[in-house]
Amino acid sequence: MLEEFSISLFVIALLGAVGMVAMVLFRQTLLYATRNAVAELEGKVARTRTALDQAVKAHDQNLARGRDLAEERRMIQNQLAEAQRRLIAAQADNFELIHEVGEPGTGRRLYAGSLALGPTLTINQTATTHSHLRGCPHVVEVWAENQAEAMRLARQAFPELAGFILSSMLPAPDGAAQQAVAS
């Protein structure tokens, strides 16, 4: 039997066995490399999915904030329009209060002066610090024989102790006096 043993056949068998082991080792190495590559790709996918979820969440928050800002802007525009409407209404309600003292008669002339309200106004022993009448101009018209009497009558009707501040009484233009007598 030994005679039939051939070295070349042995070498071929040995090379075949080494080839088979090499193929098994190559397959194992390829399997581990593939598993590592798959695990690395799964990690990248997980990180990408987390980043995508965060980006979607941030986008949704930005959309909600945009809606909130648009609603806030609409509210501000409505408030501004309301304030402008009130301003126009207040300008249309602009009026002047005329306080008339005395009666027109022969020898009497019309004197006019301005009246201001002090910080505390006392009316019938009731002190008021805020009044809707503070925002409009007040004019005092006094029918008197002379300027001194006009000032005396005005101070008597609107005393400084009550919180009224009078300017000097000046003769009214003749047209205003005639118009006052006509009305």
C-alpha atoms as a PDB file:
ATOM      1  CA  MET A   1       0.000   0.000   0.000  1.00  0.00           C
ATOM      2  CA  LEU A   2       2.774   2.242   0.525  1.00  0.00           C
ATOM      3  CA  GLU A   3       3.806   1.709  -2.887  1.00  0.00           C
ATOM      4  CA  GLU A   4       0.733   3.225  -4.163  1.00  0.00           C
ATOM      5  CA  PHE A   5       1.170   6.276  -1.998  1.00  0.00           C
ATOM      6  CA  SER A   6       2.089   9.210  -4.087  1.00  0.00           C
ATOM      7  CA  ILE A   7       3.517  12.446  -2.945  1.00  0.00           C
ATOM      8  CA  SER A   8       1.766  14.440  -5.576  1.00  0.00           C
ATOM      9  CA  LEU A   9      -1.557  13.096  -4.479  1.00  0.00           C
ATOM     10  CA  PHE A  10      -0.663  13.915  -0.901  1.00  0.00           C
ATOM     11  CA  VAL A  11       0.298  17.467  -1.837  1.00  0.00           C
ATOM     12  CA  ILE A  12      -2.898  17.867  -3.814  1.00  0.00           C
ATOM     13  CA  ALA A  13      -4.926  16.561  -0.854  1.00  0.00           C
ATOM     14  CA  LEU A  14      -3.034  18.809   1.540  1.00  0.00           C
ATOM     15  CA  LEU A  15      -3.550  21.805  -0.723  1.00  0.00           C
ATOM     16  CA  GLY A  16      -7.231  20.927  -0.994  1.00  0.00           C
ATOM     17  CA  ALA A  17      -7.514  20.742   2.809  1.00  0.00           C
ATOM     18  CA  VAL A  18      -5.691  24.083   3.203  1.00  0.00           C
ATOM     19  CA  GLY A  19      -7.959  25.592   0.540  1.00  0.00           C
ATOM     20  CA  MET A  20     -11.037  24.336   2.357  1.00  0.00           C
ATOM     21  CA  VAL A  21      -9.820  25.737   5.684  1.00  0.00           C
ATOM     22  CA  ALA A  22      -8.927  29.003   3.954  1.00  0.00           C
ATOM     23  CA  MET A  23     -12.386  29.163   2.427  1.00  0.00           C
ATOM     24  CA  VAL A  24     -14.012  28.538   5.841  1.00  0.00           C
ATOM     25  CA  LEU A  25     -11.800  31.226   7.452  1.00  0.00           C
ATOM     26  CA  PHE A  26     -12.532  33.655   4.600  1.00  0.00           C
ATOM     27  CA  ARG A  27     -16.245  32.969   4.995  1.00  0.00           C
ATOM     28  CA  GLN A  28     -16.056  33.516   8.777  1.00  0.00           C
ATOM     29  CA  THR A  29     -14.089  36.744   8.284  1.00  0.00           C
ATOM     30  CA  LEU A  30     -16.573  37.898   5.659  1.00  0.00           C
ATOM     31  CA  LEU A  31     -19.466  37.045   8.028  1.00  0.00           C
ATOM     32  CA  TYR A  32     -17.929  39.035  10.922  1.00  0.00           C
ATOM     33  CA  ALA A  33     -17.107  41.972   8.629  1.00  0.00           C
ATOM     34  CA  THR A  34     -20.673  41.954   7.287  1.00  0.00           C
ATOM     35  CA  ARG A  35     -22.093  41.801  10.842  1.00  0.00           C
ATOM     36  CA  ASN A  36     -19.898  44.724  11.901  1.00  0.00           C
ATOM     37  CA  ALA A  37     -20.890  46.736   8.824  1.00  0.00           C
ATOM     38  CA  VAL A  38     -24.590  45.994   9.451  1.00  0.00           C
ATOM     39  CA  ALA A  39     -24.241  46.989  13.134  1.00  0.00           C
ATOM     40  CA  GLU A  40     -22.467  50.216  12.140  1.00  0.00           C
ATOM     41  CA  LEU A  41     -25.153  51.008   9.566  1.00  0.00           C
ATOM     42  CA  GLU A  42     -27.904  50.261  12.121  1.00  0.00           C
ATOM     43  CA  GLY A  43     -26.201  52.713  14.526  1.00  0.00           C
ATOM     44  CA  LYS A  44     -26.068  55.357  11.783  1.00  0.00           C
ATOM     45  CA  VAL A  45     -29.725  54.708  10.967  1.00  0.00           C
ATOM     46  CA  ALA A  46     -30.661  55.049  14.657  1.00  0.00           C
ATOM     47  CA  ARG A  47     -28.684  58.324  14.957  1.00  0.00           C
ATOM     48  CA  THR A  48     -30.222  59.584  11.709  1.00  0.00           C
ATOM     49  CA  ARG A  49     -33.715  58.603  12.893  1.00  0.00           C
ATOM     50  CA  THR A  50     -33.121  60.448  16.207  1.00  0.00           C
ATOM     51  CA  ALA A  51     -31.873  63.503  14.325  1.00  0.00           C
ATOM     52  CA  LEU A  52     -34.903  63.301  12.015  1.00  0.00           C
ATOM     53  CA  ASP A  53     -37.285  63.050  14.988  1.00  0.00           C
ATOM     54  CA  GLN A  54     -35.617  66.073  16.595  1.00  0.00           C
ATOM     55  CA  ALA A  55     -35.795  68.002  13.324  1.00  0.00           C
ATOM     56  CA  VAL A  56     -39.490  67.114  12.902  1.00  0.00           C
ATOM     57  CA  LYS A  57     -40.168  68.155  16.521  1.00  0.00           C
ATOM     58  CA  ALA A  58     -38.302  71.456  16.013  1.00  0.00           C
ATOM     59  CA  HIS A  59     -40.189  72.027  12.749  1.00  0.00           C
ATOM     60  CA  ASP A  60     -43.535  71.390  14.464  1.00  0.00           C
ATOM     61  CA  GLN A  61     -42.545  73.778  17.276  1.00  0.00           C
ATOM     62  CA  ASN A  62     -41.533  76.416  14.721  1.00  0.00           C
ATOM     63  CA  LEU A  63     -44.860  75.992  12.902  1.00  0.00           C
ATOM     64  CA  ALA A  64     -46.764  76.331  16.182  1.00  0.00           C
ATOM     65  CA  ARG A  65     -44.696  79.402  17.125  1.00  0.00           C
ATOM     66  CA  GLY A  66     -45.378  80.853  13.660  1.00  0.00           C
ATOM     67  CA  ARG A  67     -49.111  80.324  14.156  1.00  0.00           C
ATOM     68  CA  ASP A  68     -48.896  81.900  17.610  1.00  0.00           C
ATOM     69  CA  LEU A  69     -46.960  84.871  16.228  1.00  0.00           C
ATOM     70  CA  ALA A  70     -49.476  85.299  13.411  1.00  0.00           C
ATOM     71  CA  GLU A  71     -52.331  85.249  15.943  1.00  0.00           C
ATOM     72  CA  GLU A  72     -50.461  87.714  18.159  1.00  0.00           C
ATOM     73  CA  ARG A  73     -49.873  89.961  15.160  1.00  0.00           C
ATOM     74  CA  ARG A  74     -53.580  89.848  14.278  1.00  0.00           C
ATOM     75  CA  MET A  75     -54.433  90.736  17.885  1.00  0.00           C
ATOM     76  CA  ILE A  76     -51.978  93.649  17.861  1.00  0.00           C
ATOM     77  CA  GLN A  77     -53.370  94.881  14.560  1.00  0.00           C
ATOM     78  CA  ASN A  78     -56.906  94.670  15.976  1.00  0.00           C
ATOM     79  CA  GLN A  79     -55.811  96.561  19.102  1.00  0.00           C
ATOM     80  CA  LEU A  80     -54.104  99.179  16.955  1.00  0.00           C
ATOM     81  CA  ALA A  81     -57.201  99.562  14.792  1.00  0.00           C
ATOM     82  CA  GLU A  82     -59.339  99.893  17.939  1.00  0.00           C
ATOM     83  CA  ALA A  83     -56.962 102.504  19.375  1.00  0.00           C
ATOM     84  CA  GLN A  84     -57.047 104.442  16.102  1.00  0.00           C
ATOM     85  CA  ARG A  85     -60.842 104.239  16.070  1.00  0.00           C
ATOM     86  CA  ARG A  86     -60.955 105.535  19.647  1.00  0.00           C
ATOM     87  CA  LEU A  87     -58.502 108.309  18.796  1.00  0.00           C
ATOM     88  CA  ILE A  88     -60.647 109.409  15.851  1.00  0.00           C
ATOM     89  CA  ALA A  89     -63.760 109.241  18.058  1.00  0.00           C
ATOM     90  CA  ALA A  90     -61.997 111.229  20.781  1.00  0.00           C
ATOM     91  CA  GLN A  91     -60.918 113.851  18.264  1.00  0.00           C
ATOM     92  CA  ALA A  92     -64.487 114.047  16.986  1.00  0.00           C
ATOM     93  CA  ASP A  93     -65.704 114.491  20.586  1.00  0.00           C
ATOM     94  CA  ASN A  94     -63.451 117.497  21.030  1.00  0.00           C
ATOM     95  CA  PHE A  95     -65.485 120.229  22.684  1.00  0.00           C
ATOM     96  CA  GLU A  96     -65.002 123.348  24.732  1.00  0.00           C
ATOM     97  CA  LEU A  97     -66.906 124.112  27.933  1.00  0.00           C
ATOM     98  CA  ILE A  98     -68.149 127.684  28.246  1.00  0.00           C
ATOM     99  CA  HIS A  99     -69.128 128.865  31.714  1.00  0.00           C
ATOM    100  CA  GLU A 100     -71.294 132.002  31.561  1.00  0.00           C
ATOM    101  CA  VAL A 101     -71.617 134.278  34.584  1.00  0.00           C
ATOM    102  CA  GLY A 102     -74.062 137.164  34.760  1.00  0.00           C
ATOM    103  CA  GLU A 103     -76.750 138.380  32.411  1.00  0.00           C
ATOM    104  CA  PRO A 104     -76.366 140.642  29.401  1.00  0.00           C
ATOM    105  CA  GLY A 105     -77.829 144.063  29.970  1.00  0.00           C
ATOM    106  CA  THR A 106     -77.410 147.743  29.239  1.00  0.00           C
ATOM    107  CA  GLY A 107     -73.969 148.960  30.130  1.00  0.00           C
ATOM    108  CA  ARG A 108     -72.639 145.425  30.498  1.00  0.00           C
ATOM    109  CA  ARG A 109     -69.975 144.014  28.288  1.00  0.00           C
ATOM    110  CA  LEU A 110     -68.798 140.445  27.691  1.00  0.00           C
ATOM    111  CA  TYR A 111     -65.411 139.509  29.160  1.00  0.00           C
ATOM    112  CA  ALA A 112     -63.737 136.160  28.527  1.00  0.00           C
ATOM    113  CA  GLY A 113     -60.902 134.249  30.166  1.00  0.00           C
ATOM    114  CA  SER A 114     -59.694 130.699  30.454  1.00  0.00           C
ATOM    115  CA  LEU A 115     -60.308 128.436  33.413  1.00  0.00           C
ATOM    116  CA  ALA A 116     -58.036 125.607  34.478  1.00  0.00           C
ATOM    117  CA  LEU A 117     -58.754 122.873  36.986  1.00  0.00           C
ATOM    118  CA  GLY A 118     -56.169 122.443  39.735  1.00  0.00           C
ATOM    119  CA  PRO A 119     -54.774 119.074  40.861  1.00  0.00           C
ATOM    120  CA  THR A 120     -57.551 118.656  43.448  1.00  0.00           C
ATOM    121  CA  LEU A 121     -60.924 120.094  42.665  1.00  0.00           C
ATOM    122  CA  THR A 122     -63.416 120.620  45.494  1.00  0.00           C
ATOM    123  CA  ILE A 123     -67.041 120.843  44.460  1.00  0.00           C
ATOM    124  CA  ASN A 124     -69.635 121.150  47.246  1.00  0.00           C
ATOM    125  CA  GLN A 125     -67.003 120.001  49.773  1.00  0.00           C
ATOM    126  CA  THR A 126     -66.262 116.821  47.796  1.00  0.00           C
ATOM    127  CA  ALA A 127     -62.656 116.550  46.598  1.00  0.00           C
ATOM    128  CA  THR A 128     -62.055 114.976  43.204  1.00  0.00           C
ATOM    129  CA  THR A 129     -58.672 114.307  41.637  1.00  0.00           C
ATOM    130  CA  HIS A 130     -59.849 112.809  38.368  1.00  0.00           C
ATOM    131  CA  SER A 131     -62.553 114.093  36.124  1.00  0.00           C
ATOM    132  CA  HIS A 132     -63.532 113.635  32.513  1.00  0.00           C
ATOM    133  CA  LEU A 133     -63.746 117.409  32.309  1.00  0.00           C
ATOM    134  CA  ARG A 134     -59.981 117.832  32.720  1.00  0.00           C
ATOM    135  CA  GLY A 135     -59.238 116.943  29.116  1.00  0.00           C
ATOM    136  CA  CYS A 136     -61.215 119.758  27.499  1.00  0.00           C
ATOM    137  CA  PRO A 137     -60.643 123.509  27.530  1.00  0.00           C
ATOM    138  CA  HIS A 138     -62.793 125.684  29.794  1.00  0.00           C
ATOM    139  CA  VAL A 139     -63.744 129.283  28.951  1.00  0.00           C
ATOM    140  CA  VAL A 140     -65.370 131.687  31.408  1.00  0.00           C
ATOM    141  CA  GLU A 141     -67.580 134.385  29.902  1.00  0.00           C
ATOM    142  CA  VAL A 142     -68.662 137.109  32.326  1.00  0.00           C
ATOM    143  CA  TRP A 143     -71.141 139.902  31.693  1.00  0.00           C
ATOM    144  CA  ALA A 144     -69.930 142.900  33.685  1.00  0.00           C
ATOM    145  CA  GLU A 145     -69.613 146.679  33.526  1.00  0.00           C
ATOM    146  CA  ASN A 146     -65.790 146.649  33.675  1.00  0.00           C
ATOM    147  CA  GLN A 147     -62.810 144.294  33.735  1.00  0.00           C
ATOM    148  CA  ALA A 148     -62.336 144.473  37.529  1.00  0.00           C
ATOM    149  CA  GLU A 149     -65.982 143.535  38.170  1.00  0.00           C
ATOM    150  CA  ALA A 150     -65.678 140.700  35.630  1.00  0.00           C
ATOM    151  CA  MET A 151     -62.648 139.325  37.469  1.00  0.00           C
ATOM    152  CA  ARG A 152     -64.444 139.640  40.844  1.00  0.00           C
ATOM    153  CA  LEU A 153     -67.544 137.815  39.568  1.00  0.00           C
ATOM    154  CA  ALA A 154     -65.428 135.064  37.977  1.00  0.00           C
ATOM    155  CA  ARG A 155     -63.393 134.554  41.191  1.00  0.00           C
ATOM    156  CA  GLN A 156     -66.629 134.489  43.176  1.00  0.00           C
ATOM    157  CA  ALA A 157     -68.097 131.783  40.889  1.00  0.00           C
ATOM    158  CA  PHE A 158     -64.822 129.819  40.593  1.00  0.00           C
ATOM    159  CA  PRO A 159     -62.781 130.307  43.823  1.00  0.00           C
ATOM    160  CA  GLU A 160     -59.102 129.372  43.935  1.00  0.00           C
ATOM    161  CA  LEU A 161     -59.642 127.536  47.242  1.00  0.00           C
ATOM    162  CA  ALA A 162     -61.917 125.093  45.396  1.00  0.00           C
ATOM    163  CA  GLY A 163     -59.128 124.308  42.898  1.00  0.00           C
ATOM    164  CA  PHE A 164     -60.001 126.628  39.998  1.00  0.00           C
ATOM    165  CA  ILE A 165     -57.279 128.641  38.260  1.00  0.00           C
ATOM    166  CA  LEU A 166     -58.489 131.710  36.359  1.00  0.00           C
ATOM    167  CA  SER A 167     -56.625 133.721  33.753  1.00  0.00           C
ATOM    168  CA  SER A 168     -57.190 137.438  33.384  1.00  0.00           C
ATOM    169  CA  MET A 169     -60.534 138.504  31.975  1.00  0.00           C
ATOM    170  CA  LEU A 170     -60.267 140.315  28.633  1.00  0.00           C
ATOM    171  CA  PRO A 171     -63.005 142.007  26.645  1.00  0.00           C
ATOM    172  CA  ALA A 172     -64.516 139.617  24.124  1.00  0.00           C
ATOM    173  CA  PRO A 173     -64.577 140.638  20.468  1.00  0.00           C
ATOM    174  CA  ASP A 174     -67.746 142.483  19.488  1.00  0.00           C
ATOM    175  CA  GLY A 175     -68.875 139.655  17.160  1.00  0.00           C
ATOM    176  CA  ALA A 176     -68.764 137.128  20.020  1.00  0.00           C
ATOM    177  CA  ALA A 177     -70.767 139.420  22.301  1.00  0.00           C
ATOM    178  CA  GLN A 178     -73.445 139.989  19.639  1.00  0.00           C
ATOM    179  CA  GLN A 179     -73.614 136.257  18.963  1.00  0.00           C
ATOM    180  CA  ALA A 180     -73.995 135.551  22.703  1.00  0.00           C
ATOM    181  CA  VAL A 181     -76.786 138.130  22.990  1.00  0.00           C
ATOM    182  CA  ALA A 182     -78.567 136.599  19.960  1.00  0.00           C
ATOM    183  CA  SER A 183     -78.503 133.128  21.466  1.00  0.00           C
END
